[in-house]
N, C-alpha and C. Protein backbone atom coordinates (compact mmCIF):
# COMPACT_ATOMS: atom_id res chain seq x y z
N MET A 1 -6.50 -10.72 8.83
CA MET A 1 -5.71 -11.43 10.13
C MET A 1 -4.58 -12.61 9.72
N LEU A 2 -3.93 -11.67 10.31
CA LEU A 2 -2.19 -13.11 9.94
C LEU A 2 -2.60 -14.00 11.53
N ARG A 3 -2.36 -15.71 10.97
CA ARG A 3 -2.07 -16.10 12.30
C ARG A 3 -0.48 -16.99 11.89
N ALA A 4 -0.47 -18.36 12.51
CA ALA A 4 0.69 -19.44 12.02
C ALA A 4 0.61 -19.76 11.96
N ALA A 5 0.68 -20.41 10.85
CA ALA A 5 0.56 -21.92 10.36
C ALA A 5 1.05 -22.73 11.22
N PRO A 6 0.61 -23.84 10.87
CA PRO A 6 0.69 -25.01 11.91
C PRO A 6 2.61 -25.22 11.62
N ARG A 7 3.17 -25.87 12.57
CA ARG A 7 4.71 -26.07 12.55
C ARG A 7 5.59 -25.30 11.92
N ASP A 8 5.44 -24.06 11.53
CA ASP A 8 6.68 -22.86 11.11
C ASP A 8 6.34 -21.56 11.10
N ARG A 9 6.78 -21.41 11.95
CA ARG A 9 6.57 -19.73 12.91
C ARG A 9 7.08 -19.07 12.00
N SER A 10 7.78 -19.05 10.35
CA SER A 10 8.30 -17.84 9.54
C SER A 10 7.14 -17.77 8.66
N ARG A 11 5.86 -18.94 9.04
CA ARG A 11 4.57 -19.09 7.57
C ARG A 11 4.01 -18.60 8.54
N ALA A 12 2.42 -18.16 7.96
CA ALA A 12 1.19 -17.63 8.52
C ALA A 12 0.15 -17.71 7.91
N ILE A 13 -0.83 -17.88 8.06
CA ILE A 13 -2.20 -18.14 6.64
C ILE A 13 -3.05 -16.19 7.46
N LEU A 14 -3.37 -16.25 6.13
CA LEU A 14 -3.91 -14.78 6.34
C LEU A 14 -5.89 -15.27 6.00
N GLN A 15 -5.70 -14.99 6.80
CA GLN A 15 -7.38 -14.55 6.66
C GLN A 15 -8.23 -13.36 5.97
N PHE A 16 -9.00 -13.24 5.23
CA PHE A 16 -9.43 -12.10 4.56
C PHE A 16 -11.06 -12.90 4.17
N GLY A 17 -11.88 -11.80 5.20
CA GLY A 17 -13.25 -12.78 4.60
C GLY A 17 -13.28 -14.47 4.46
N ILE A 18 -13.64 -14.44 3.03
CA ILE A 18 -14.28 -15.92 3.67
C ILE A 18 -12.60 -16.88 3.32
N LEU A 19 -11.85 -15.66 2.41
CA LEU A 19 -10.29 -16.45 2.00
C LEU A 19 -9.42 -16.52 2.70
N ARG A 20 -8.84 -17.52 2.86
CA ARG A 20 -7.42 -18.18 3.41
C ARG A 20 -7.32 -18.33 2.64
N LEU A 21 -5.11 -17.73 3.18
CA LEU A 21 -4.75 -17.79 1.97
C LEU A 21 -2.96 -18.61 2.60
N PRO A 22 -1.94 -19.13 1.74
CA PRO A 22 -0.67 -18.99 2.56
C PRO A 22 0.07 -17.55 2.39
N ALA A 23 1.27 -17.03 3.36
CA ALA A 23 1.38 -15.83 3.52
C ALA A 23 3.00 -16.25 4.70
N ALA A 24 4.21 -15.68 4.13
CA ALA A 24 5.24 -15.30 4.69
C ALA A 24 4.89 -14.74 6.19
N TRP A 25 5.43 -14.75 6.78
CA TRP A 25 6.38 -13.42 7.54
C TRP A 25 8.09 -13.57 8.11
N GLY A 26 7.91 -12.98 8.91
CA GLY A 26 9.20 -12.80 8.96
C GLY A 26 9.90 -13.84 10.11
N ARG A 27 11.34 -14.29 9.79
CA ARG A 27 11.84 -15.29 9.74
C ARG A 27 12.18 -15.64 11.37
N THR A 28 11.64 -14.91 12.74
CA THR A 28 11.83 -15.72 13.78
C THR A 28 10.29 -15.50 14.19
N GLY A 29 8.83 -14.75 13.68
CA GLY A 29 8.02 -15.23 13.36
C GLY A 29 7.36 -13.75 14.02
N THR A 30 6.23 -14.13 15.11
CA THR A 30 5.64 -12.86 15.73
C THR A 30 6.71 -12.04 16.79
N VAL A 31 6.70 -10.44 17.57
CA VAL A 31 7.03 -10.06 18.42
C VAL A 31 6.20 -9.19 18.73
N LEU A 32 6.45 -9.14 20.40
CA LEU A 32 5.27 -7.79 20.80
C LEU A 32 6.25 -7.05 21.11
N CYS A 33 7.95 -6.28 21.12
CA CYS A 33 8.48 -5.65 21.20
C CYS A 33 9.84 -5.57 19.58
N LYS A 34 8.51 -5.18 19.32
CA LYS A 34 9.58 -5.35 17.76
C LYS A 34 11.28 -3.75 17.60
N LYS A 35 11.57 -4.29 17.11
CA LYS A 35 13.33 -3.40 17.21
C LYS A 35 13.78 -4.21 15.76
N GLU A 36 15.26 -2.69 15.39
CA GLU A 36 15.07 -2.79 14.01
C GLU A 36 15.63 -4.03 13.83
N GLY A 37 15.83 -5.08 12.85
CA GLY A 37 16.61 -6.05 12.60
C GLY A 37 16.87 -7.32 13.19
N ASP A 38 15.69 -7.47 13.53
CA ASP A 38 15.20 -8.85 14.98
C ASP A 38 14.62 -10.09 13.65
N GLY A 39 14.10 -9.45 12.93
CA GLY A 39 13.85 -10.17 12.12
C GLY A 39 12.33 -10.76 12.41
N GLY A 40 11.52 -10.19 12.95
CA GLY A 40 10.14 -10.46 13.30
C GLY A 40 9.29 -9.42 12.66
N SER A 41 8.01 -9.90 12.71
CA SER A 41 6.91 -8.83 12.70
C SER A 41 5.62 -9.06 13.61
N PRO A 42 5.83 -7.63 13.49
CA PRO A 42 5.36 -7.33 14.73
C PRO A 42 3.74 -7.58 15.17
N ARG A 43 4.00 -8.15 16.20
CA ARG A 43 1.93 -8.45 16.95
C ARG A 43 1.47 -6.65 17.04
N ALA A 44 0.42 -7.18 16.09
CA ALA A 44 -0.19 -5.38 16.30
C ALA A 44 -1.31 -5.25 15.06
N THR A 45 -2.20 -4.11 15.53
CA THR A 45 -3.06 -3.70 14.16
C THR A 45 -2.26 -2.59 13.78
N MET A 46 -2.48 -3.13 12.33
CA MET A 46 -2.01 -1.75 11.17
C MET A 46 -2.80 -1.85 9.84
N TRP A 47 -3.00 -0.07 9.99
CA TRP A 47 -3.58 0.40 8.68
C TRP A 47 -3.20 0.68 7.69
N LEU A 48 -3.06 -0.11 6.17
CA LEU A 48 -2.91 -0.08 4.74
C LEU A 48 -3.06 1.42 4.51
N LEU A 49 -1.80 1.84 4.33
CA LEU A 49 -1.89 3.47 3.78
C LEU A 49 -1.62 4.27 2.25
N GLY A 50 -0.99 2.85 1.64
CA GLY A 50 -1.17 3.45 -0.03
C GLY A 50 0.38 2.04 0.11
N GLY A 51 0.74 2.53 -1.29
CA GLY A 51 1.79 1.46 -1.63
C GLY A 51 2.51 1.69 -2.83
N TYR A 52 3.53 1.25 -3.60
CA TYR A 52 3.98 1.72 -4.72
C TYR A 52 4.08 -0.19 -5.49
N PHE A 53 4.13 0.17 -6.81
CA PHE A 53 3.95 -0.45 -7.44
C PHE A 53 4.98 -0.68 -9.24
N ARG A 54 5.50 -1.62 -9.53
CA ARG A 54 5.95 -1.64 -10.87
C ARG A 54 5.46 -2.01 -11.96
N GLY A 55 5.39 -0.79 -12.71
CA GLY A 55 4.78 -0.01 -13.24
C GLY A 55 5.05 -0.79 -14.39
N ASP A 56 6.67 -1.21 -15.32
CA ASP A 56 6.79 -2.12 -16.16
C ASP A 56 6.35 -3.76 -16.17
N ARG A 57 6.01 -3.44 -14.93
CA ARG A 57 5.63 -5.32 -14.79
C ARG A 57 4.48 -5.49 -14.17
N ILE A 58 3.84 -4.87 -13.51
CA ILE A 58 1.92 -5.15 -13.20
C ILE A 58 1.98 -3.99 -14.51
N ARG A 59 0.39 -4.36 -15.04
CA ARG A 59 -0.55 -3.83 -15.15
C ARG A 59 -2.06 -3.42 -14.83
N ASN A 60 -2.66 -2.86 -15.22
CA ASN A 60 -3.55 -2.96 -15.34
C ASN A 60 -4.26 -3.45 -13.67
N LEU A 61 -3.79 -2.64 -12.27
CA LEU A 61 -4.05 -2.85 -11.02
C LEU A 61 -5.53 -2.06 -10.79
N VAL A 62 -6.04 -2.86 -10.35
CA VAL A 62 -7.01 -2.35 -9.55
C VAL A 62 -7.32 -2.46 -7.78
N THR A 63 -7.55 -0.95 -8.03
CA THR A 63 -7.45 -0.95 -5.94
C THR A 63 -7.85 0.66 -5.84
N ALA A 64 -8.64 0.67 -4.73
CA ALA A 64 -8.91 2.39 -4.16
C ALA A 64 -7.58 1.80 -3.56
N LEU A 65 -6.73 2.05 -2.75
CA LEU A 65 -5.46 2.27 -2.07
C LEU A 65 -4.87 2.78 -2.86
N PRO A 66 -4.45 4.36 -2.52
CA PRO A 66 -3.16 5.12 -3.52
C PRO A 66 -2.17 5.19 -3.69
N MET A 67 -1.66 4.51 -4.62
CA MET A 67 -0.37 3.87 -5.36
C MET A 67 0.16 4.61 -6.31
N VAL A 68 1.58 4.34 -6.32
CA VAL A 68 2.67 5.61 -6.87
C VAL A 68 3.53 4.49 -7.75
N ARG A 69 3.60 4.52 -9.01
CA ARG A 69 4.45 4.31 -9.72
C ARG A 69 6.39 3.86 -9.36
N THR A 70 6.70 3.39 -8.96
CA THR A 70 8.07 2.75 -8.38
C THR A 70 8.95 3.42 -9.25
N LYS A 71 10.15 4.19 -9.53
CA LYS A 71 11.01 4.58 -10.03
C LYS A 71 12.25 4.36 -9.70
N ALA A 72 13.51 4.21 -10.57
CA ALA A 72 14.93 4.29 -10.04
C ALA A 72 14.77 5.00 -8.92
N GLY A 73 16.07 5.24 -8.09
CA GLY A 73 16.06 6.10 -7.02
C GLY A 73 15.49 6.25 -6.30
N MET A 74 13.98 5.67 -6.27
CA MET A 74 13.56 5.67 -5.24
C MET A 74 13.43 4.65 -3.67
N LEU A 75 13.77 5.21 -2.73
CA LEU A 75 14.23 4.62 -1.31
C LEU A 75 13.68 4.41 -0.30
N TRP A 76 13.90 3.07 1.16
CA TRP A 76 13.00 3.51 2.14
C TRP A 76 14.73 3.53 3.13
N CYS A 77 14.61 4.42 3.83
CA CYS A 77 15.25 4.92 4.79
C CYS A 77 14.98 3.99 6.11
N ASP A 78 16.28 2.72 6.44
CA ASP A 78 16.40 2.08 7.47
C ASP A 78 17.03 2.48 8.59
N ALA A 79 17.73 3.40 7.98
CA ALA A 79 18.40 3.86 9.55
C ALA A 79 18.21 4.96 10.41
N PRO A 80 18.08 3.94 12.12
CA PRO A 80 17.43 4.55 13.25
C PRO A 80 18.18 5.55 13.25
N GLN A 81 19.64 6.37 13.08
CA GLN A 81 19.97 7.30 13.60
C GLN A 81 19.18 8.53 12.58
N HIS A 82 19.13 8.08 11.78
CA HIS A 82 18.31 9.00 10.24
C HIS A 82 17.39 10.09 10.35
N ALA A 83 17.40 11.40 10.36
CA ALA A 83 15.70 12.07 10.73
C ALA A 83 15.02 11.88 9.87
N ALA A 84 15.55 10.75 8.38
CA ALA A 84 13.94 9.93 7.66
C ALA A 84 14.04 8.46 7.54
N TYR A 85 14.34 8.53 9.51
CA TYR A 85 14.48 6.74 9.09
C TYR A 85 12.40 6.21 9.43
N ASN A 86 12.46 5.57 8.43
CA ASN A 86 11.18 5.16 8.15
C ASN A 86 10.63 5.23 7.62
N ARG A 87 11.00 6.16 6.20
CA ARG A 87 10.71 6.99 5.23
C ARG A 87 10.85 6.55 3.73
N PRO A 88 9.71 7.70 2.97
CA PRO A 88 10.99 7.26 1.84
C PRO A 88 11.99 7.98 1.78
N VAL A 89 12.80 7.87 1.19
CA VAL A 89 13.87 8.86 0.27
C VAL A 89 13.91 8.55 -1.09
N SER A 90 15.13 9.48 -1.85
CA SER A 90 15.55 9.32 -2.90
C SER A 90 16.89 8.97 -2.86
N ALA A 91 17.30 8.35 -3.85
CA ALA A 91 19.36 8.30 -4.44
C ALA A 91 19.77 9.63 -4.75
N PRO A 92 20.75 10.05 -4.64
CA PRO A 92 21.31 9.58 -3.94
C PRO A 92 21.13 9.89 -1.81
N PHE A 93 21.78 8.42 -0.85
CA PHE A 93 21.15 8.97 -0.14
C PHE A 93 22.38 7.38 0.96
N ALA A 94 23.29 8.42 1.37
CA ALA A 94 24.19 7.40 2.17
C ALA A 94 23.65 6.49 3.28
N ALA A 95 22.82 6.80 4.03
CA ALA A 95 21.99 6.35 4.84
C ALA A 95 21.98 4.68 4.33
N SER A 96 21.46 3.97 5.86
CA SER A 96 21.11 2.38 5.16
C SER A 96 19.65 2.39 4.96
N HIS A 97 19.02 1.92 3.69
CA HIS A 97 17.79 2.41 2.82
C HIS A 97 17.80 0.80 2.51
N GLU A 98 16.74 0.65 1.62
CA GLU A 98 15.91 0.06 0.95
C GLU A 98 16.08 0.05 -0.87
N ARG A 99 15.68 -0.45 -1.61
CA ARG A 99 15.69 -0.14 -2.72
C ARG A 99 14.15 -0.30 -2.91
N LEU A 100 13.10 0.30 -3.61
CA LEU A 100 12.10 0.56 -3.49
C LEU A 100 11.95 -0.59 -5.10
N MET A 101 12.85 -0.15 -5.72
CA MET A 101 12.52 -0.70 -7.21
C MET A 101 13.43 -1.65 -7.36
N ARG A 102 13.17 -3.42 -6.55
CA ARG A 102 14.24 -3.93 -6.84
C ARG A 102 14.09 -5.64 -7.69
N ASP A 103 15.42 -5.71 -8.50
CA ASP A 103 15.48 -6.46 -9.47
C ASP A 103 14.52 -8.13 -9.41
N ASP A 104 14.60 -8.77 -8.39
CA ASP A 104 13.56 -9.46 -7.97
C ASP A 104 11.84 -8.89 -7.70
N ALA A 105 10.96 -9.65 -7.76
CA ALA A 105 9.28 -9.20 -7.53
C ALA A 105 9.27 -9.14 -6.92
N LEU A 106 9.67 -8.53 -5.48
CA LEU A 106 9.28 -8.92 -4.54
C LEU A 106 8.34 -7.42 -4.05
N TYR A 107 8.81 -6.84 -4.61
CA TYR A 107 7.70 -5.35 -4.37
C TYR A 107 7.33 -4.84 -5.25
N ASP A 108 6.81 -5.62 -6.64
CA ASP A 108 6.24 -5.52 -7.32
C ASP A 108 5.16 -4.80 -7.41
N ILE A 109 4.79 -5.24 -6.10
CA ILE A 109 3.43 -4.36 -5.76
C ILE A 109 4.29 -4.48 -4.42
N CYS A 110 4.13 -3.67 -3.38
CA CYS A 110 4.50 -2.71 -2.57
C CYS A 110 3.34 -2.28 -1.14
N LEU A 111 3.17 -2.40 -0.39
CA LEU A 111 1.88 -1.72 0.08
C LEU A 111 2.40 -1.45 1.92
N VAL A 112 2.43 -0.13 2.35
CA VAL A 112 2.86 0.55 3.33
C VAL A 112 1.76 0.04 4.65
N MET A 113 2.19 -0.53 5.27
CA MET A 113 1.61 -0.14 6.24
C MET A 113 2.03 0.63 7.31
N ASP A 114 1.27 0.70 8.56
CA ASP A 114 1.68 1.94 9.64
C ASP A 114 1.81 1.60 10.73
N TRP A 115 3.14 1.15 10.22
CA TRP A 115 4.35 0.45 11.53
C TRP A 115 5.12 1.37 11.63
N ASN A 116 5.23 2.01 13.05
CA ASN A 116 6.49 3.27 13.57
C ASN A 116 6.03 4.22 12.84
N ILE A 117 5.43 5.28 11.23
CA ILE A 117 4.92 6.36 10.59
C ILE A 117 4.15 6.87 11.11
N SER A 118 3.34 6.92 11.51
CA SER A 118 2.20 8.18 11.76
C SER A 118 2.66 8.77 14.19
N SER A 119 3.55 7.53 14.48
CA SER A 119 4.32 7.76 15.70
C SER A 119 5.35 7.45 15.53
N ARG A 120 6.31 7.52 14.68
CA ARG A 120 7.56 6.77 14.19
C ARG A 120 7.91 6.48 15.95
N ARG A 121 9.13 5.54 16.33
CA ARG A 121 10.55 5.31 17.41
C ARG A 121 11.17 4.91 16.89
N ARG A 122 12.72 5.84 17.08
CA ARG A 122 13.79 5.22 16.01
C ARG A 122 14.06 3.73 17.26
N GLY A 123 14.36 3.51 15.79
CA GLY A 123 15.20 1.26 16.34
C GLY A 123 14.17 -0.04 16.34
N CYS A 124 12.69 0.67 16.41
CA CYS A 124 11.52 0.24 16.60
C CYS A 124 10.65 -0.65 15.64
N GLY A 125 11.96 -0.30 14.39
CA GLY A 125 11.20 -1.01 12.95
C GLY A 125 10.91 -1.02 12.06
N SER A 126 11.15 -0.60 10.94
CA SER A 126 10.92 0.17 9.89
C SER A 126 10.52 -0.61 8.39
N ALA A 127 9.98 -0.22 7.16
CA ALA A 127 9.71 -0.73 6.20
C ALA A 127 9.02 -2.25 6.22
N ILE A 128 7.99 -1.84 7.38
CA ILE A 128 7.10 -3.68 7.39
C ILE A 128 5.88 -3.21 6.52
N PHE A 129 6.18 -3.96 5.52
CA PHE A 129 5.74 -3.78 4.30
C PHE A 129 4.69 -5.19 4.08
N PHE A 130 3.68 -5.12 3.13
CA PHE A 130 2.90 -6.26 2.80
C PHE A 130 3.45 -6.23 1.11
N HIS A 131 3.78 -7.18 0.91
CA HIS A 131 4.60 -7.50 -0.67
C HIS A 131 3.94 -8.90 -0.59
N LEU A 132 4.73 -8.99 -2.18
CA LEU A 132 4.64 -10.47 -2.76
C LEU A 132 6.21 -11.42 -1.91
N ALA A 133 5.50 -12.67 -1.90
CA ALA A 133 6.01 -13.66 -1.49
C ALA A 133 7.54 -14.13 -2.46
N ARG A 134 8.64 -14.86 -1.74
CA ARG A 134 9.67 -15.68 -2.81
C ARG A 134 8.89 -17.27 -3.02
N PRO A 135 9.21 -17.28 -3.99
CA PRO A 135 9.04 -18.93 -3.93
C PRO A 135 9.01 -19.54 -2.65
N GLY A 136 8.13 -20.99 -2.39
CA GLY A 136 8.02 -21.62 -1.50
C GLY A 136 7.80 -20.21 -0.02
N TYR A 137 7.63 -19.28 0.62
CA TYR A 137 7.11 -18.62 1.13
C TYR A 137 8.10 -18.65 1.67
N THR A 138 9.21 -18.31 1.81
CA THR A 138 10.48 -17.99 2.38
C THR A 138 10.36 -17.30 2.88
N PRO A 139 10.78 -16.91 4.61
CA PRO A 139 10.72 -15.78 5.67
C PRO A 139 11.38 -14.67 5.40
N THR A 140 10.53 -13.70 5.57
CA THR A 140 11.00 -11.72 5.40
C THR A 140 11.54 -11.29 6.62
N GLU A 141 12.11 -10.16 6.66
CA GLU A 141 12.41 -9.47 7.58
C GLU A 141 11.60 -8.93 8.44
N GLY A 142 10.60 -9.19 8.05
CA GLY A 142 9.84 -8.75 9.19
C GLY A 142 7.95 -7.88 8.75
N CYS A 143 7.92 -8.41 7.00
CA CYS A 143 6.68 -7.23 6.20
C CYS A 143 5.65 -9.56 6.50
N ILE A 144 5.08 -9.09 5.65
CA ILE A 144 3.62 -10.23 5.39
C ILE A 144 3.84 -9.78 3.49
N ALA A 145 3.58 -11.35 3.19
CA ALA A 145 3.66 -11.33 2.00
C ALA A 145 3.39 -12.60 1.61
N VAL A 146 2.41 -11.82 0.25
CA VAL A 146 1.54 -13.36 -0.38
C VAL A 146 2.11 -13.52 -1.70
N THR A 147 1.89 -14.29 -2.45
CA THR A 147 1.53 -14.51 -3.75
C THR A 147 1.37 -13.23 -4.62
N ARG A 148 1.87 -13.21 -6.16
CA ARG A 148 1.05 -12.23 -6.90
C ARG A 148 -0.35 -12.05 -7.11
N GLY A 149 -0.76 -13.20 -7.54
CA GLY A 149 -2.23 -13.73 -8.05
C GLY A 149 -3.38 -13.37 -6.06
N ASP A 150 -2.56 -14.22 -5.64
CA ASP A 150 -3.53 -13.56 -3.93
C ASP A 150 -3.07 -12.14 -3.61
N MET A 151 -2.43 -11.14 -3.73
CA MET A 151 -1.78 -9.78 -3.87
C MET A 151 -2.80 -9.17 -4.91
N LEU A 152 -3.08 -9.94 -6.41
CA LEU A 152 -4.00 -8.93 -6.98
C LEU A 152 -5.08 -9.12 -6.93
N ARG A 153 -5.54 -10.31 -6.30
CA ARG A 153 -7.21 -10.13 -5.44
C ARG A 153 -7.26 -10.27 -4.61
N LEU A 154 -6.58 -9.88 -3.29
CA LEU A 154 -6.53 -9.10 -2.51
C LEU A 154 -7.20 -7.49 -2.79
N MET A 155 -6.11 -7.18 -3.82
CA MET A 155 -5.80 -5.29 -4.16
C MET A 155 -7.25 -4.65 -4.24
N ARG A 156 -8.17 -5.82 -4.66
CA ARG A 156 -9.67 -5.42 -5.12
C ARG A 156 -10.39 -4.50 -4.13
N HIS A 157 -10.02 -5.40 -2.52
CA HIS A 157 -11.38 -4.56 -2.06
C HIS A 157 -10.08 -3.89 -0.76
N PHE A 158 -8.95 -3.69 -1.11
CA PHE A 158 -8.03 -3.00 -0.24
C PHE A 158 -8.11 -1.56 -0.56
N ARG A 159 -8.58 -0.42 0.40
CA ARG A 159 -8.87 0.55 0.54
C ARG A 159 -7.83 1.11 1.61
N ARG A 160 -7.42 2.47 1.89
CA ARG A 160 -6.61 3.66 2.92
C ARG A 160 -7.38 2.92 3.86
N GLY A 161 -6.71 3.06 5.03
CA GLY A 161 -7.12 1.89 6.08
C GLY A 161 -7.90 0.60 6.38
N THR A 162 -7.94 0.36 5.81
CA THR A 162 -7.91 -1.53 5.58
C THR A 162 -6.89 -1.36 6.65
N ARG A 163 -7.50 -2.44 7.81
CA ARG A 163 -6.65 -2.88 8.39
C ARG A 163 -6.06 -4.79 8.24
N ILE A 164 -5.03 -4.46 9.33
CA ILE A 164 -4.56 -5.97 8.91
C ILE A 164 -3.71 -6.01 10.71
N ARG A 165 -4.14 -7.17 10.88
CA ARG A 165 -4.40 -7.66 12.52
C ARG A 165 -2.78 -8.82 12.06
N ILE A 166 -2.30 -9.05 12.89
CA ILE A 166 -0.87 -9.85 13.18
C ILE A 166 -1.35 -10.61 14.18
N LEU A 167 -1.68 -11.47 14.79
CA LEU A 167 -2.00 -12.53 15.86
C LEU A 167 -0.58 -13.24 16.08
């Protein structure tokens, strides 16, 4: 479960069992009616589907989640008018997208949450991931982010279908 941190709508507190961890979320906080590009994290319950990891940076990842090693050319389509909207795609790809193998560490571990995937609607938000945070927990574009250490700690308990609830 995630809830707003006191005095900063772009910061969150993640509670998992007895753990309470700092987290980042969307720059505009939470939103009830998510739209592509609004910078908000959807106020919803989402299930973890699986994820991606940088095998050249992350070793001995322990999790029951289905994970795929990220390779160059792996992308995620965020173009609402494209048929592959909110789906993984491969380079070359002309429509708007995000690279899954980033130069920074944000997607060294990148978990896919079931936001607008099982029941997809164009323009209602794409690529709502649970990934690694920037230093200082600066806001995301709508994703959830924690430190690498906290993510590795949580990954041991995650499995397909683990619920992430954003209040």
